[in-house]
Amino acid sequence: MEIKEFQNLIRELYLSRDAKRGADKTFLWFLEEVGELTRAYRRGEKGNLGKEMADVFAWLASMANLLSVDLESEVLKKYPKVCPICSSAPCTCPFP
């Protein structure tokens, strides 16, 4: 599945609910999911990491839909198959 397809799926499933909730409250839900991912990572809950990452990605797509941001287009602009800082693939930046 492409990023655009996933964003469209999230739009079809949740845009009506997200729009009623609004961007501010949707952003808080997104942050809550980031917190859940952080907790799973810090606790070493390897079985939950993928699920929590999927939740974060879904809420990010919801935010993008509410704010009319095309995630796939923005990702490709920011990361055009090379590092956005050193323009190399793989990255050769001097810092970790």
Protein backbone atom coordinates (compact mmCIF):
# COMPACT_ATOMS: atom_id res chain seq x y z
CA MET A 1 0.00 0.00 0.00
CA GLU A 2 1.29 3.45 -0.91
CA ILE A 3 1.23 6.32 1.60
CA LYS A 4 -1.44 8.06 -0.50
CA GLU A 5 -3.63 4.94 -0.43
CA PHE A 6 -3.32 4.70 3.35
CA GLN A 7 -4.12 8.40 3.80
CA ASN A 8 -7.18 7.96 1.57
CA LEU A 9 -8.29 4.92 3.59
CA ILE A 10 -8.03 6.89 6.83
CA ARG A 11 -9.94 9.76 5.17
CA GLU A 12 -12.75 7.41 4.11
CA LEU A 13 -12.95 5.76 7.52
CA TYR A 14 -12.55 8.70 9.87
CA LEU A 15 -12.72 12.15 8.22
CA SER A 16 -16.27 12.81 9.36
CA ARG A 17 -15.42 12.03 12.99
CA ASP A 18 -12.09 13.84 12.81
CA ALA A 19 -13.72 16.95 11.35
CA LYS A 20 -16.30 17.02 14.15
CA ARG A 21 -13.53 16.66 16.73
CA GLY A 22 -11.41 19.32 15.03
CA ALA A 23 -7.69 19.62 14.42
CA ASP A 24 -6.74 20.65 17.97
CA LYS A 25 -8.38 17.65 19.64
CA THR A 26 -7.23 15.30 16.90
CA PHE A 27 -3.69 16.52 17.46
CA LEU A 28 -4.03 15.66 21.16
CA TRP A 29 -5.12 12.12 20.20
CA PHE A 30 -2.06 11.91 17.94
CA LEU A 31 0.18 12.94 20.84
CA GLU A 32 -1.47 10.37 23.09
CA GLU A 33 -0.59 7.67 20.56
CA VAL A 34 3.01 8.91 20.43
CA GLY A 35 3.03 8.58 24.22
CA GLU A 36 1.76 5.01 23.99
CA LEU A 37 4.49 4.20 21.47
CA THR A 38 7.08 5.77 23.77
CA ARG A 39 5.82 3.70 26.71
CA ALA A 40 5.91 0.46 24.70
CA TYR A 41 9.44 1.22 23.52
CA ARG A 42 10.76 2.14 26.97
CA ARG A 43 9.21 -0.96 28.51
CA GLY A 44 10.67 -3.20 25.82
CA GLU A 45 7.20 -4.35 24.71
CA LYS A 46 8.33 -5.59 21.31
CA GLY A 47 4.94 -7.17 20.67
CA ASN A 48 3.23 -3.76 20.92
CA LEU A 49 5.69 -1.62 18.99
CA GLY A 50 4.27 -2.32 15.53
CA LYS A 51 0.69 -1.76 16.71
CA GLU A 52 1.60 1.53 18.35
CA MET A 53 3.56 2.66 15.27
CA ALA A 54 0.52 1.89 13.12
CA ASP A 55 -1.67 3.95 15.47
CA VAL A 56 0.75 6.90 15.30
CA PHE A 57 0.82 6.67 11.50
CA ALA A 58 -3.00 6.54 11.33
CA TRP A 59 -3.41 9.59 13.57
CA LEU A 60 -0.75 11.43 11.56
CA ALA A 61 -2.75 10.67 8.42
CA SER A 62 -5.88 11.99 10.16
CA MET A 63 -4.08 15.23 10.97
CA ALA A 64 -2.81 15.50 7.40
CA ASN A 65 -6.35 15.03 6.09
CA LEU A 66 -7.74 17.73 8.37
CA LEU A 67 -4.98 20.14 7.36
CA SER A 68 -5.08 19.25 3.63
CA VAL A 69 -1.51 17.93 3.58
CA ASP A 70 -0.60 15.24 1.05
CA LEU A 71 1.76 13.09 3.14
CA GLU A 72 3.20 11.13 0.23
CA SER A 73 4.01 14.28 -1.72
CA GLU A 74 5.63 15.92 1.30
CA VAL A 75 7.69 12.83 2.13
CA LEU A 76 8.98 12.64 -1.45
CA LYS A 77 9.87 16.35 -1.43
CA LYS A 78 11.69 16.09 1.91
CA TYR A 79 13.39 12.73 1.20
CA PRO A 80 14.05 12.51 -2.57
CA LYS A 81 15.88 9.15 -2.25
CA VAL A 82 18.87 10.90 -0.69
CA CYS A 83 19.63 12.41 2.71
CA PRO A 84 18.08 15.91 2.78
CA ILE A 85 21.21 17.28 4.52
CA CYS A 86 24.20 15.76 2.69
CA SER A 87 22.36 14.69 -0.51
CA SER A 88 23.96 11.23 -0.31
CA ALA A 89 22.51 7.73 -0.26
CA PRO A 90 23.36 6.30 2.14
CA CYS A 91 23.79 9.32 4.38
CA THR A 92 27.37 10.50 4.90
CA CYS A 93 26.64 13.28 7.40
CA PRO A 94 29.44 13.59 9.97
CA PHE A 95 27.12 13.36 13.00
CA PRO A 96 25.35 10.32 14.43
